[in-house]
Amino acid sequence: MPREVDAITRLYDYLLWLVPKLEKFPRSQKFLLGDRIESLLLDILELLIEAAFSKKKLAPLRTANIKLEKLRYLIRLAKDLKLMNLDSYEFSARAINEIGVSVGGWLRYSGRENV
């Protein structure tokens, strides 16, 4: 299960890195944008785990892919609101892109299996 493990591991590692940063958001945004970002990441993690243990992988993977795109915009918003510095934003953008590549490869592979 290399595709599954890769996507899940990358997302988990990103969560470990990001959660402490979200805790440092100002109170006014910690419970709005910070919680929204964290919830989205946890949703994506749940979807990837669901896909890893399900015969029908396409639906959870597609949903995870859409949520990753939403996450990109929320992270960008955090940067533009100066809640995240440029280095953290660049790290986040790279991490989200790598996760997206892993999920995209998993999606393509799963799509071929279901044909």
C-alpha atoms as a PDB file:
ATOM      1  CA  MET A   1       0.000   0.000   0.000  1.00  0.00           C
ATOM      2  CA  PRO A   2       2.672   2.596  -0.859  1.00  0.00           C
ATOM      3  CA  ARG A   3       0.296   5.279  -2.215  1.00  0.00           C
ATOM      4  CA  GLU A   4      -1.934   5.111   0.832  1.00  0.00           C
ATOM      5  CA  VAL A   5       0.917   5.161   3.296  1.00  0.00           C
ATOM      6  CA  ASP A   6       2.677   8.009   1.481  1.00  0.00           C
ATOM      7  CA  ALA A   7      -0.378  10.291   1.406  1.00  0.00           C
ATOM      8  CA  ILE A   8      -1.405   9.506   4.978  1.00  0.00           C
ATOM      9  CA  THR A   9       2.143   9.854   6.334  1.00  0.00           C
ATOM     10  CA  ARG A  10       2.709  13.178   4.571  1.00  0.00           C
ATOM     11  CA  LEU A  11      -0.579  14.557   5.863  1.00  0.00           C
ATOM     12  CA  TYR A  12       0.056  13.306   9.392  1.00  0.00           C
ATOM     13  CA  ASP A  13       3.539  14.846   9.445  1.00  0.00           C
ATOM     14  CA  TYR A  14       2.135  18.141   8.162  1.00  0.00           C
ATOM     15  CA  LEU A  15      -0.517  18.082  10.896  1.00  0.00           C
ATOM     16  CA  LEU A  16       2.176  17.535  13.531  1.00  0.00           C
ATOM     17  CA  TRP A  17       4.060  20.554  12.208  1.00  0.00           C
ATOM     18  CA  LEU A  18       1.048  22.847  11.711  1.00  0.00           C
ATOM     19  CA  VAL A  19      -1.093  22.322  14.828  1.00  0.00           C
ATOM     20  CA  PRO A  20       1.364  24.097  17.175  1.00  0.00           C
ATOM     21  CA  LYS A  21       1.501  27.022  14.719  1.00  0.00           C
ATOM     22  CA  LEU A  22      -2.301  27.265  14.674  1.00  0.00           C
ATOM     23  CA  GLU A  23      -2.275  27.434  18.476  1.00  0.00           C
ATOM     24  CA  LYS A  24      -0.208  30.627  18.187  1.00  0.00           C
ATOM     25  CA  PHE A  25      -2.792  32.434  16.047  1.00  0.00           C
ATOM     26  CA  PRO A  26      -4.274  35.463  17.825  1.00  0.00           C
ATOM     27  CA  ARG A  27      -7.362  34.621  19.852  1.00  0.00           C
ATOM     28  CA  SER A  28      -9.581  36.399  17.311  1.00  0.00           C
ATOM     29  CA  GLN A  29      -8.502  33.967  14.569  1.00  0.00           C
ATOM     30  CA  LYS A  30      -7.466  30.871  16.534  1.00  0.00           C
ATOM     31  CA  PHE A  31     -11.082  29.845  16.991  1.00  0.00           C
ATOM     32  CA  LEU A  32     -12.156  30.839  13.489  1.00  0.00           C
ATOM     33  CA  LEU A  33      -9.521  30.297  10.847  1.00  0.00           C
ATOM     34  CA  GLY A  34      -7.242  28.122  12.995  1.00  0.00           C
ATOM     35  CA  ASP A  35     -10.019  25.710  13.944  1.00  0.00           C
ATOM     36  CA  ARG A  36     -11.295  25.649  10.374  1.00  0.00           C
ATOM     37  CA  ILE A  37      -7.850  24.712   9.025  1.00  0.00           C
ATOM     38  CA  GLU A  38      -7.351  22.047  11.692  1.00  0.00           C
ATOM     39  CA  SER A  39     -10.822  20.552  11.109  1.00  0.00           C
ATOM     40  CA  LEU A  40     -10.219  20.448   7.364  1.00  0.00           C
ATOM     41  CA  LEU A  41      -6.903  18.643   7.863  1.00  0.00           C
ATOM     42  CA  LEU A  42      -8.500  16.118  10.216  1.00  0.00           C
ATOM     43  CA  ASP A  43     -11.332  15.565   7.716  1.00  0.00           C
ATOM     44  CA  ILE A  44      -8.763  14.886   4.984  1.00  0.00           C
ATOM     45  CA  LEU A  45      -6.902  12.458   7.250  1.00  0.00           C
ATOM     46  CA  GLU A  46     -10.142  10.582   7.975  1.00  0.00           C
ATOM     47  CA  LEU A  47     -10.973  10.403   4.260  1.00  0.00           C
ATOM     48  CA  LEU A  48      -7.531   9.021   3.399  1.00  0.00           C
ATOM     49  CA  ILE A  49      -7.791   6.390   6.128  1.00  0.00           C
ATOM     50  CA  GLU A  50     -11.274   5.511   4.874  1.00  0.00           C
ATOM     51  CA  ALA A  51      -9.927   5.125   1.332  1.00  0.00           C
ATOM     52  CA  ALA A  52      -7.042   2.966   2.547  1.00  0.00           C
ATOM     53  CA  PHE A  53      -9.413   0.468   4.168  1.00  0.00           C
ATOM     54  CA  SER A  54     -12.246   0.579   1.645  1.00  0.00           C
ATOM     55  CA  LYS A  55     -12.814  -1.202  -1.632  1.00  0.00           C
ATOM     56  CA  LYS A  56     -14.497   1.932  -2.993  1.00  0.00           C
ATOM     57  CA  LYS A  57     -11.651   4.427  -2.874  1.00  0.00           C
ATOM     58  CA  LEU A  58     -12.678   6.972  -5.505  1.00  0.00           C
ATOM     59  CA  ALA A  59     -15.354   8.869  -3.540  1.00  0.00           C
ATOM     60  CA  PRO A  60     -13.264   9.530  -0.398  1.00  0.00           C
ATOM     61  CA  LEU A  61     -10.192  10.353  -2.491  1.00  0.00           C
ATOM     62  CA  ARG A  62     -12.099  12.844  -4.641  1.00  0.00           C
ATOM     63  CA  THR A  63     -13.553  14.475  -1.532  1.00  0.00           C
ATOM     64  CA  ALA A  64     -10.081  14.630   0.044  1.00  0.00           C
ATOM     65  CA  ASN A  65      -8.750  16.254  -3.128  1.00  0.00           C
ATOM     66  CA  ILE A  66     -11.423  18.973  -3.007  1.00  0.00           C
ATOM     67  CA  LYS A  67     -10.743  19.587   0.683  1.00  0.00           C
ATOM     68  CA  LEU A  68      -7.023  19.924  -0.078  1.00  0.00           C
ATOM     69  CA  GLU A  69      -7.864  22.696  -2.530  1.00  0.00           C
ATOM     70  CA  LYS A  70      -9.959  24.451   0.131  1.00  0.00           C
ATOM     71  CA  LEU A  71      -7.037  24.074   2.525  1.00  0.00           C
ATOM     72  CA  ARG A  72      -4.709  25.801   0.039  1.00  0.00           C
ATOM     73  CA  TYR A  73      -6.932  28.877   0.083  1.00  0.00           C
ATOM     74  CA  LEU A  74      -7.283  28.962   3.871  1.00  0.00           C
ATOM     75  CA  ILE A  75      -3.507  28.720   4.323  1.00  0.00           C
ATOM     76  CA  ARG A  76      -3.064  31.507   1.776  1.00  0.00           C
ATOM     77  CA  LEU A  77      -5.619  33.590   3.666  1.00  0.00           C
ATOM     78  CA  ALA A  78      -3.703  32.986   6.920  1.00  0.00           C
ATOM     79  CA  LYS A  79      -0.552  34.241   5.214  1.00  0.00           C
ATOM     80  CA  ASP A  80      -2.285  37.297   3.738  1.00  0.00           C
ATOM     81  CA  LEU A  81      -3.754  38.144   7.160  1.00  0.00           C
ATOM     82  CA  LYS A  82      -0.183  37.944   8.522  1.00  0.00           C
ATOM     83  CA  LEU A  83      -1.083  35.038  10.815  1.00  0.00           C
ATOM     84  CA  MET A  84       1.655  32.991   9.194  1.00  0.00           C
ATOM     85  CA  ASN A  85       5.076  34.170   8.087  1.00  0.00           C
ATOM     86  CA  LEU A  86       6.366  33.660   4.557  1.00  0.00           C
ATOM     87  CA  ASP A  87       8.644  30.740   5.489  1.00  0.00           C
ATOM     88  CA  SER A  88       5.770  28.870   7.134  1.00  0.00           C
ATOM     89  CA  TYR A  89       3.530  29.626   4.181  1.00  0.00           C
ATOM     90  CA  GLU A  90       6.139  28.321   1.726  1.00  0.00           C
ATOM     91  CA  PHE A  91       6.611  25.163   3.787  1.00  0.00           C
ATOM     92  CA  SER A  92       2.826  24.714   3.924  1.00  0.00           C
ATOM     93  CA  ALA A  93       2.396  25.257   0.198  1.00  0.00           C
ATOM     94  CA  ARG A  94       5.062  22.642  -0.550  1.00  0.00           C
ATOM     95  CA  ALA A  95       3.618  20.170   1.955  1.00  0.00           C
ATOM     96  CA  ILE A  96       0.072  20.568   0.614  1.00  0.00           C
ATOM     97  CA  ASN A  97       1.347  20.194  -2.943  1.00  0.00           C
ATOM     98  CA  GLU A  98       3.205  16.975  -2.040  1.00  0.00           C
ATOM     99  CA  ILE A  99       0.114  15.597  -0.329  1.00  0.00           C
ATOM    100  CA  GLY A 100      -1.938  16.553  -3.395  1.00  0.00           C
ATOM    101  CA  VAL A 101       0.482  14.761  -5.710  1.00  0.00           C
ATOM    102  CA  SER A 102       0.254  11.633  -3.544  1.00  0.00           C
ATOM    103  CA  VAL A 103      -3.548  11.749  -3.427  1.00  0.00           C
ATOM    104  CA  GLY A 104      -3.697  12.449  -7.177  1.00  0.00           C
ATOM    105  CA  GLY A 105      -1.511   9.437  -7.926  1.00  0.00           C
ATOM    106  CA  TRP A 106      -3.611   7.294  -5.631  1.00  0.00           C
ATOM    107  CA  LEU A 107      -6.757   8.549  -7.390  1.00  0.00           C
ATOM    108  CA  ARG A 108      -5.371   7.722 -10.843  1.00  0.00           C
ATOM    109  CA  TYR A 109      -4.259   4.281  -9.689  1.00  0.00           C
ATOM    110  CA  SER A 110      -7.632   3.574  -8.032  1.00  0.00           C
ATOM    111  CA  GLY A 111      -9.495   4.812 -11.102  1.00  0.00           C
ATOM    112  CA  ARG A 112      -7.686   2.258 -13.256  1.00  0.00           C
ATOM    113  CA  GLU A 113      -8.553  -0.517 -10.803  1.00  0.00           C
ATOM    114  CA  ASN A 114     -12.261   0.274 -11.046  1.00  0.00           C
ATOM    115  CA  VAL A 115     -12.427   0.256 -14.848  1.00  0.00           C
END
